[in-house]
Amino acid sequence: NRSIDYRTDFYSLGVTFYQMLCGRLPFAKRNPIELIHSHLAHEEVRLHQIKPTVPEVLSNIVHLLMRKNAE
């Protein structure tokens, strides 16, 4: 129930960084409905938990970009 604004660009940038740093997308679902639900309702696994070579500070930045609550 929200309009699309500049915050969607931040989220997309977070997903792009996630894929660049980790080598995979944050949510790997084949069903489009499940994929949308994952993006709306689930937290991604933090980058530094998947790939320990990624600094935790960078992982936190990506996590902030991908926050579900736009505020």
PDB file of N, CA and C in Angstrom:
ATOM      1  N   ASN A   1       0.806  -1.193   0.000  1.00  0.00           N
ATOM      2  CA  ASN A   1       0.000   0.000   0.000  1.00  0.00           C
ATOM      3  C   ASN A   1       0.856   1.266   0.000  1.00  0.00           C
ATOM      4  N   ARG A   2       2.009   1.191  -0.600  1.00  0.00           N
ATOM      5  CA  ARG A   2       2.896   2.354  -0.667  1.00  0.00           C
ATOM      6  C   ARG A   2       3.236   2.642  -2.117  1.00  0.00           C
ATOM      7  N   SER A   3       3.539   3.894  -2.350  1.00  0.00           N
ATOM      8  CA  SER A   3       3.944   4.252  -3.704  1.00  0.00           C
ATOM      9  C   SER A   3       5.428   3.958  -3.892  1.00  0.00           C
ATOM     10  N   ILE A   4       5.822   3.827  -5.128  1.00  0.00           N
ATOM     11  CA  ILE A   4       7.221   3.575  -5.457  1.00  0.00           C
ATOM     12  C   ILE A   4       7.943   4.907  -5.500  1.00  0.00           C
ATOM     13  N   ASP A   5       9.075   4.979  -4.792  1.00  0.00           N
ATOM     14  CA  ASP A   5       9.849   6.215  -4.778  1.00  0.00           C
ATOM     15  C   ASP A   5      11.337   5.879  -4.774  1.00  0.00           C
ATOM     16  N   TYR A   6      12.164   6.799  -4.357  1.00  0.00           N
ATOM     17  CA  TYR A   6      13.616   6.633  -4.387  1.00  0.00           C
ATOM     18  C   TYR A   6      14.102   5.476  -3.522  1.00  0.00           C
ATOM     19  N   ARG A   7      13.318   5.076  -2.524  1.00  0.00           N
ATOM     20  CA  ARG A   7      13.745   3.994  -1.635  1.00  0.00           C
ATOM     21  C   ARG A   7      13.820   2.656  -2.346  1.00  0.00           C
ATOM     22  N   THR A   8      13.037   2.481  -3.400  1.00  0.00           N
ATOM     23  CA  THR A   8      13.129   1.247  -4.175  1.00  0.00           C
ATOM     24  C   THR A   8      14.485   1.153  -4.872  1.00  0.00           C
ATOM     25  N   ASP A   9      15.047   2.298  -5.235  1.00  0.00           N
ATOM     26  CA  ASP A   9      16.384   2.306  -5.836  1.00  0.00           C
ATOM     27  C   ASP A   9      17.425   1.849  -4.826  1.00  0.00           C
ATOM     28  N   PHE A  10      17.285   2.258  -3.566  1.00  0.00           N
ATOM     29  CA  PHE A  10      18.213   1.821  -2.523  1.00  0.00           C
ATOM     30  C   PHE A  10      18.124   0.304  -2.333  1.00  0.00           C
ATOM     31  N   TYR A  11      16.895  -0.213  -2.318  1.00  0.00           N
ATOM     32  CA  TYR A  11      16.707  -1.652  -2.154  1.00  0.00           C
ATOM     33  C   TYR A  11      17.346  -2.403  -3.323  1.00  0.00           C
ATOM     34  N   SER A  12      17.103  -1.928  -4.529  1.00  0.00           N
ATOM     35  CA  SER A  12      17.682  -2.567  -5.719  1.00  0.00           C
ATOM     36  C   SER A  12      19.204  -2.514  -5.693  1.00  0.00           C
ATOM     37  N   LEU A  13      19.753  -1.408  -5.232  1.00  0.00           N
ATOM     38  CA  LEU A  13      21.195  -1.283  -5.103  1.00  0.00           C
ATOM     39  C   LEU A  13      21.721  -2.302  -4.083  1.00  0.00           C
ATOM     40  N   GLY A  14      21.004  -2.483  -2.995  1.00  0.00           N
ATOM     41  CA  GLY A  14      21.388  -3.484  -2.001  1.00  0.00           C
ATOM     42  C   GLY A  14      21.397  -4.895  -2.578  1.00  0.00           C
ATOM     43  N   VAL A  15      20.383  -5.227  -3.372  1.00  0.00           N
ATOM     44  CA  VAL A  15      20.321  -6.549  -4.010  1.00  0.00           C
ATOM     45  C   VAL A  15      21.482  -6.710  -4.993  1.00  0.00           C
ATOM     46  N   THR A  16      21.790  -5.663  -5.734  1.00  0.00           N
ATOM     47  CA  THR A  16      22.906  -5.708  -6.677  1.00  0.00           C
ATOM     48  C   THR A  16      24.227  -5.930  -5.950  1.00  0.00           C
ATOM     49  N   PHE A  17      24.464  -5.175  -4.877  1.00  0.00           N
ATOM     50  CA  PHE A  17      25.686  -5.356  -4.087  1.00  0.00           C
ATOM     51  C   PHE A  17      25.745  -6.767  -3.493  1.00  0.00           C
ATOM     52  N   TYR A  18      24.610  -7.246  -3.017  1.00  0.00           N
ATOM     53  CA  TYR A  18      24.539  -8.587  -2.432  1.00  0.00           C
ATOM     54  C   TYR A  18      25.007  -9.619  -3.454  1.00  0.00           C
ATOM     55  N   GLN A  19      24.482  -9.523  -4.657  1.00  0.00           N
ATOM     56  CA  GLN A  19      24.850 -10.489  -5.693  1.00  0.00           C
ATOM     57  C   GLN A  19      26.320 -10.341  -6.096  1.00  0.00           C
ATOM     58  N   MET A  20      26.804  -9.117  -6.179  1.00  0.00           N
ATOM     59  CA  MET A  20      28.202  -8.889  -6.545  1.00  0.00           C
ATOM     60  C   MET A  20      29.155  -9.459  -5.489  1.00  0.00           C
ATOM     61  N   LEU A  21      28.837  -9.269  -4.231  1.00  0.00           N
ATOM     62  CA  LEU A  21      29.729  -9.679  -3.155  1.00  0.00           C
ATOM     63  C   LEU A  21      29.606 -11.158  -2.788  1.00  0.00           C
ATOM     64  N   CYS A  22      28.436 -11.719  -3.010  1.00  0.00           N
ATOM     65  CA  CYS A  22      28.176 -13.082  -2.560  1.00  0.00           C
ATOM     66  C   CYS A  22      28.155 -14.080  -3.721  1.00  0.00           C
ATOM     67  N   GLY A  23      27.826 -13.606  -4.905  1.00  0.00           N
ATOM     68  CA  GLY A  23      27.746 -14.506  -6.049  1.00  0.00           C
ATOM     69  C   GLY A  23      26.396 -15.162  -6.235  1.00  0.00           C
ATOM     70  N   ARG A  24      25.425 -14.732  -5.448  1.00  0.00           N
ATOM     71  CA  ARG A  24      24.054 -15.254  -5.588  1.00  0.00           C
ATOM     72  C   ARG A  24      23.066 -14.190  -5.142  1.00  0.00           C
ATOM     73  N   LEU A  25      21.834 -14.386  -5.509  1.00  0.00           N
ATOM     74  CA  LEU A  25      20.785 -13.467  -5.098  1.00  0.00           C
ATOM     75  C   LEU A  25      20.379 -13.736  -3.649  1.00  0.00           C
ATOM     76  N   PRO A  26      19.828 -12.756  -2.965  1.00  0.00           N
ATOM     77  CA  PRO A  26      19.457 -12.966  -1.560  1.00  0.00           C
ATOM     78  C   PRO A  26      18.327 -13.977  -1.373  1.00  0.00           C
ATOM     79  N   PHE A  27      17.459 -14.098  -2.343  1.00  0.00           N
ATOM     80  CA  PHE A  27      16.350 -15.047  -2.247  1.00  0.00           C
ATOM     81  C   PHE A  27      16.297 -15.860  -3.534  1.00  0.00           C
ATOM     82  N   ALA A  28      16.484 -17.154  -3.410  1.00  0.00           N
ATOM     83  CA  ALA A  28      16.506 -18.031  -4.585  1.00  0.00           C
ATOM     84  C   ALA A  28      15.211 -18.843  -4.625  1.00  0.00           C
ATOM     85  N   LYS A  29      14.196 -18.270  -5.182  1.00  0.00           N
ATOM     86  CA  LYS A  29      12.903 -18.940  -5.330  1.00  0.00           C
ATOM     87  C   LYS A  29      12.565 -19.025  -6.812  1.00  0.00           C
ATOM     88  N   ARG A  30      11.969 -20.119  -7.222  1.00  0.00           N
ATOM     89  CA  ARG A  30      11.588 -20.265  -8.638  1.00  0.00           C
ATOM     90  C   ARG A  30      10.169 -19.755  -8.900  1.00  0.00           C
ATOM     91  N   ASN A  31       9.332 -19.885  -7.915  1.00  0.00           N
ATOM     92  CA  ASN A  31       7.955 -19.436  -8.046  1.00  0.00           C
ATOM     93  C   ASN A  31       7.916 -17.919  -7.846  1.00  0.00           C
ATOM     94  N   PRO A  32       7.375 -17.168  -8.810  1.00  0.00           N
ATOM     95  CA  PRO A  32       7.351 -15.707  -8.689  1.00  0.00           C
ATOM     96  C   PRO A  32       6.633 -15.196  -7.431  1.00  0.00           C
ATOM     97  N   ILE A  33       5.566 -15.863  -7.025  1.00  0.00           N
ATOM     98  CA  ILE A  33       4.829 -15.441  -5.833  1.00  0.00           C
ATOM     99  C   ILE A  33       5.692 -15.636  -4.591  1.00  0.00           C
ATOM    100  N   GLU A  34       6.396 -16.755  -4.492  1.00  0.00           N
ATOM    101  CA  GLU A  34       7.296 -16.989  -3.361  1.00  0.00           C
ATOM    102  C   GLU A  34       8.433 -15.981  -3.348  1.00  0.00           C
ATOM    103  N   LEU A  35       8.941 -15.630  -4.512  1.00  0.00           N
ATOM    104  CA  LEU A  35      10.026 -14.659  -4.606  1.00  0.00           C
ATOM    105  C   LEU A  35       9.570 -13.292  -4.117  1.00  0.00           C
ATOM    106  N   ILE A  36       8.412 -12.865  -4.543  1.00  0.00           N
ATOM    107  CA  ILE A  36       7.873 -11.580  -4.091  1.00  0.00           C
ATOM    108  C   ILE A  36       7.643 -11.603  -2.583  1.00  0.00           C
ATOM    109  N   HIS A  37       7.074 -12.706  -2.083  1.00  0.00           N
ATOM    110  CA  HIS A  37       6.841 -12.822  -0.647  1.00  0.00           C
ATOM    111  C   HIS A  37       8.157 -12.747   0.123  1.00  0.00           C
ATOM    112  N   SER A  38       9.187 -13.395  -0.379  1.00  0.00           N
ATOM    113  CA  SER A  38      10.497 -13.355   0.286  1.00  0.00           C
ATOM    114  C   SER A  38      11.033 -11.935   0.357  1.00  0.00           C
ATOM    115  N   HIS A  39      10.929 -11.205  -0.731  1.00  0.00           N
ATOM    116  CA  HIS A  39      11.417  -9.827  -0.741  1.00  0.00           C
ATOM    117  C   HIS A  39      10.620  -8.930   0.206  1.00  0.00           C
ATOM    118  N   LEU A  40       9.344  -9.213   0.366  1.00  0.00           N
ATOM    119  CA  LEU A  40       8.509  -8.381   1.231  1.00  0.00           C
ATOM    120  C   LEU A  40       8.579  -8.766   2.705  1.00  0.00           C
ATOM    121  N   ALA A  41       8.758 -10.050   2.991  1.00  0.00           N
ATOM    122  CA  ALA A  41       8.571 -10.503   4.370  1.00  0.00           C
ATOM    123  C   ALA A  41       9.800 -11.108   5.044  1.00  0.00           C
ATOM    124  N   HIS A  42      10.762 -11.586   4.299  1.00  0.00           N
ATOM    125  CA  HIS A  42      11.891 -12.292   4.909  1.00  0.00           C
ATOM    126  C   HIS A  42      13.157 -11.440   4.923  1.00  0.00           C
ATOM    127  N   GLU A  43      13.983 -11.690   5.924  1.00  0.00           N
ATOM    128  CA  GLU A  43      15.298 -11.052   6.006  1.00  0.00           C
ATOM    129  C   GLU A  43      16.289 -11.904   5.208  1.00  0.00           C
ATOM    130  N   GLU A  44      17.194 -11.241   4.527  1.00  0.00           N
ATOM    131  CA  GLU A  44      18.231 -11.977   3.816  1.00  0.00           C
ATOM    132  C   GLU A  44      19.274 -12.482   4.808  1.00  0.00           C
ATOM    133  N   VAL A  45      19.970 -13.541   4.445  1.00  0.00           N
ATOM    134  CA  VAL A  45      21.088 -14.006   5.256  1.00  0.00           C
ATOM    135  C   VAL A  45      22.205 -12.994   5.071  1.00  0.00           C
ATOM    136  N   ARG A  46      22.779 -12.541   6.167  1.00  0.00           N
ATOM    137  CA  ARG A  46      23.811 -11.518   6.091  1.00  0.00           C
ATOM    138  C   ARG A  46      25.008 -12.007   5.287  1.00  0.00           C
ATOM    139  N   LEU A  47      25.604 -11.102   4.552  1.00  0.00           N
ATOM    140  CA  LEU A  47      26.720 -11.449   3.675  1.00  0.00           C
ATOM    141  C   LEU A  47      27.891 -12.053   4.430  1.00  0.00           C
ATOM    142  N   HIS A  48      28.254 -11.479   5.553  1.00  0.00           N
ATOM    143  CA  HIS A  48      29.414 -11.982   6.284  1.00  0.00           C
ATOM    144  C   HIS A  48      29.174 -13.367   6.880  1.00  0.00           C
ATOM    145  N   GLN A  49      27.914 -13.793   6.964  1.00  0.00           N
ATOM    146  CA  GLN A  49      27.607 -15.140   7.435  1.00  0.00           C
ATOM    147  C   GLN A  49      27.778 -16.164   6.319  1.00  0.00           C
ATOM    148  N   ILE A  50      27.522 -15.731   5.092  1.00  0.00           N
ATOM    149  CA  ILE A  50      27.676 -16.624   3.944  1.00  0.00           C
ATOM    150  C   ILE A  50      29.124 -16.667   3.488  1.00  0.00           C
ATOM    151  N   LYS A  51      29.722 -15.488   3.415  1.00  0.00           N
ATOM    152  CA  LYS A  51      31.086 -15.356   2.911  1.00  0.00           C
ATOM    153  C   LYS A  51      31.895 -14.579   3.946  1.00  0.00           C
ATOM    154  N   PRO A  52      32.651 -15.276   4.785  1.00  0.00           N
ATOM    155  CA  PRO A  52      33.391 -14.615   5.866  1.00  0.00           C
ATOM    156  C   PRO A  52      34.424 -13.593   5.397  1.00  0.00           C
ATOM    157  N   THR A  53      34.791 -13.616   4.123  1.00  0.00           N
ATOM    158  CA  THR A  53      35.763 -12.637   3.628  1.00  0.00           C
ATOM    159  C   THR A  53      35.160 -11.257   3.443  1.00  0.00           C
ATOM    160  N   VAL A  54      33.834 -11.163   3.452  1.00  0.00           N
ATOM    161  CA  VAL A  54      33.164  -9.865   3.337  1.00  0.00           C
ATOM    162  C   VAL A  54      33.191  -9.203   4.713  1.00  0.00           C
ATOM    163  N   PRO A  55      33.728  -7.994   4.816  1.00  0.00           N
ATOM    164  CA  PRO A  55      33.765  -7.309   6.107  1.00  0.00           C
ATOM    165  C   PRO A  55      32.346  -7.087   6.663  1.00  0.00           C
ATOM    166  N   GLU A  56      32.232  -7.202   7.968  1.00  0.00           N
ATOM    167  CA  GLU A  56      30.922  -7.055   8.601  1.00  0.00           C
ATOM    168  C   GLU A  56      30.346  -5.656   8.382  1.00  0.00           C
ATOM    169  N   VAL A  57      31.195  -4.654   8.305  1.00  0.00           N
ATOM    170  CA  VAL A  57      30.737  -3.282   8.055  1.00  0.00           C
ATOM    171  C   VAL A  57      30.051  -3.200   6.694  1.00  0.00           C
ATOM    172  N   LEU A  58      30.637  -3.809   5.687  1.00  0.00           N
ATOM    173  CA  LEU A  58      30.044  -3.815   4.347  1.00  0.00           C
ATOM    174  C   LEU A  58      28.753  -4.615   4.340  1.00  0.00           C
ATOM    175  N   SER A  59      28.745  -5.714   5.062  1.00  0.00           N
ATOM    176  CA  SER A  59      27.537  -6.526   5.188  1.00  0.00           C
ATOM    177  C   SER A  59      26.409  -5.720   5.822  1.00  0.00           C
ATOM    178  N   ASN A  60      26.737  -4.915   6.823  1.00  0.00           N
ATOM    179  CA  ASN A  60      25.728  -4.081   7.482  1.00  0.00           C
ATOM    180  C   ASN A  60      25.181  -3.006   6.550  1.00  0.00           C
ATOM    181  N   ILE A  61      26.025  -2.435   5.711  1.00  0.00           N
ATOM    182  CA  ILE A  61      25.571  -1.426   4.743  1.00  0.00           C
ATOM    183  C   ILE A  61      24.577  -2.037   3.775  1.00  0.00           C
ATOM    184  N   VAL A  62      24.913  -3.212   3.251  1.00  0.00           N
ATOM    185  CA  VAL A  62      23.995  -3.889   2.326  1.00  0.00           C
ATOM    186  C   VAL A  62      22.692  -4.223   3.039  1.00  0.00           C
ATOM    187  N   HIS A  63      22.786  -4.659   4.276  1.00  0.00           N
ATOM    188  CA  HIS A  63      21.574  -4.982   5.057  1.00  0.00           C
ATOM    189  C   HIS A  63      20.699  -3.746   5.236  1.00  0.00           C
ATOM    190  N   LEU A  64      21.312  -2.602   5.507  1.00  0.00           N
ATOM    191  CA  LEU A  64      20.548  -1.360   5.651  1.00  0.00           C
ATOM    192  C   LEU A  64      19.856  -0.971   4.344  1.00  0.00           C
ATOM    193  N   LEU A  65      20.536  -1.181   3.228  1.00  0.00           N
ATOM    194  CA  LEU A  65      19.918  -0.873   1.930  1.00  0.00           C
ATOM    195  C   LEU A  65      18.710  -1.758   1.660  1.00  0.00           C
ATOM    196  N   MET A  66      18.727  -2.967   2.211  1.00  0.00           N
ATOM    197  CA  MET A  66      17.656  -3.934   1.941  1.00  0.00           C
ATOM    198  C   MET A  66      16.628  -4.020   3.069  1.00  0.00           C
ATOM    199  N   ARG A  67      16.584  -3.033   3.911  1.00  0.00           N
ATOM    200  CA  ARG A  67      15.599  -3.056   5.006  1.00  0.00           C
ATOM    201  C   ARG A  67      14.185  -3.078   4.468  1.00  0.00           C
ATOM    202  N   LYS A  68      13.328  -3.796   5.177  1.00  0.00           N
ATOM    203  CA  LYS A  68      11.914  -3.912   4.761  1.00  0.00           C
ATOM    204  C   LYS A  68      11.115  -2.671   5.140  1.00  0.00           C
ATOM    205  N   ASN A  69      11.458  -2.079   6.263  1.00  0.00           N
ATOM    206  CA  ASN A  69      10.748  -0.895   6.719  1.00  0.00           C
ATOM    207  C   ASN A  69      11.394   0.333   6.066  1.00  0.00           C
ATOM    208  N   ALA A  70      10.682   0.986   5.218  1.00  0.00           N
ATOM    209  CA  ALA A  70      11.245   2.083   4.426  1.00  0.00           C
ATOM    210  C   ALA A  70      11.709   3.264   5.275  1.00  0.00           C
ATOM    211  N   GLU A  71      11.156   3.439   6.442  1.00  0.00           N
ATOM    212  CA  GLU A  71      11.533   4.559   7.282  1.00  0.00           C
ATOM    213  C   GLU A  71      12.900   4.315   7.863  1.00  0.00           C
TER     214      GLU A  71
END
